[in-house]
Protein backbone atom coordinates (compact mmCIF):
# COMPACT_ATOMS: atom_id res chain seq x y z
CA MET A 1 93.85 0.59 42.83
CA VAL A 2 90.97 -1.24 44.47
CA PHE A 3 87.50 -0.28 43.37
CA GLU A 4 84.72 -0.89 45.84
CA ILE A 5 81.11 -0.96 44.76
CA SER A 6 78.92 0.59 47.39
CA SER A 7 75.15 0.39 47.63
CA GLY A 8 74.97 4.04 46.56
CA MET A 9 76.90 3.23 43.37
CA ILE A 10 74.56 0.32 42.57
CA ARG A 11 71.52 2.52 43.12
CA GLY A 12 73.02 5.24 40.94
CA LEU A 13 73.72 2.79 38.11
CA GLY A 14 70.20 1.39 38.46
CA THR A 15 68.80 4.90 38.16
CA VAL A 16 70.85 5.53 35.01
CA VAL A 17 69.66 2.25 33.46
CA VAL A 18 66.01 3.01 34.21
CA PHE A 19 66.38 6.56 32.86
CA VAL A 20 67.94 5.33 29.61
CA ALA A 21 65.12 2.77 29.25
CA PHE A 22 62.53 5.50 29.88
CA VAL A 23 64.04 7.80 27.24
CA GLY A 24 64.26 4.93 24.74
CA LEU A 25 60.66 3.89 25.34
CA THR A 26 59.47 7.49 25.06
CA LEU A 27 61.25 7.93 21.73
CA TRP A 28 59.81 4.63 20.46
CA VAL A 29 56.24 5.49 21.47
CA PHE A 30 56.23 9.02 20.06
CA ASN A 31 57.95 8.08 16.80
CA SER A 32 55.71 9.20 13.94
CA LYS A 33 56.59 6.08 11.89
CA ARG A 34 54.62 3.97 14.39
CA ASN A 35 51.42 6.01 14.12
CA PRO A 36 49.59 3.59 11.74
CA GLU A 37 50.41 0.61 14.00
CA PHE A 38 49.12 2.38 17.08
CA ALA A 39 46.00 3.56 15.23
CA GLU A 40 45.18 -0.08 14.47
CA ALA A 41 46.01 -1.16 18.03
CA ARG A 42 43.68 1.53 19.43
CA LEU A 43 40.73 -0.28 17.83
CA LEU A 44 41.61 -3.75 19.18
CA PRO A 45 39.24 -3.57 22.20
CA PHE A 46 36.34 -3.22 19.76
CA ALA A 47 37.45 -6.05 17.43
CA ASP A 48 35.26 -8.72 19.06
CA GLU A 49 32.05 -6.68 19.01
CA PRO A 50 29.50 -7.73 16.39
CA GLN A 51 29.05 -5.35 13.50
CA PRO A 52 25.65 -3.62 13.45
CA ASP A 53 23.28 -4.70 10.72
CA SER A 54 22.73 -2.10 8.08
CA VAL A 55 19.29 -0.54 8.47
CA THR A 56 17.52 0.69 5.39
CA PRO A 57 15.93 4.14 5.59
CA GLN A 58 12.44 2.63 5.24
CA GLU A 59 12.93 0.37 8.29
CA SER A 60 14.27 3.18 10.45
CA ALA A 61 11.25 5.38 9.64
CA THR A 62 8.80 2.73 10.92
CA ARG A 63 10.59 2.08 14.21
CA SER A 64 9.57 3.93 17.32
CA THR A 65 12.23 5.49 19.53
CA ARG A 66 9.91 5.85 22.52
CA PRO A 67 10.51 3.62 25.56
């Protein structure tokens, strides 16, 4: 028995591989065990911003908010 691989068969196998990868990635992303890691990663864009200085209530009362 000779088995020929056609372009349709290759495309079909490629589709199956991509679908399995999609399902695996979806399960990995929505796994509740990873929630703390993703919560920390969500804040990474703000990691390089300087922290605001703490303002005492007396200083904030003397500052004007007018332009």
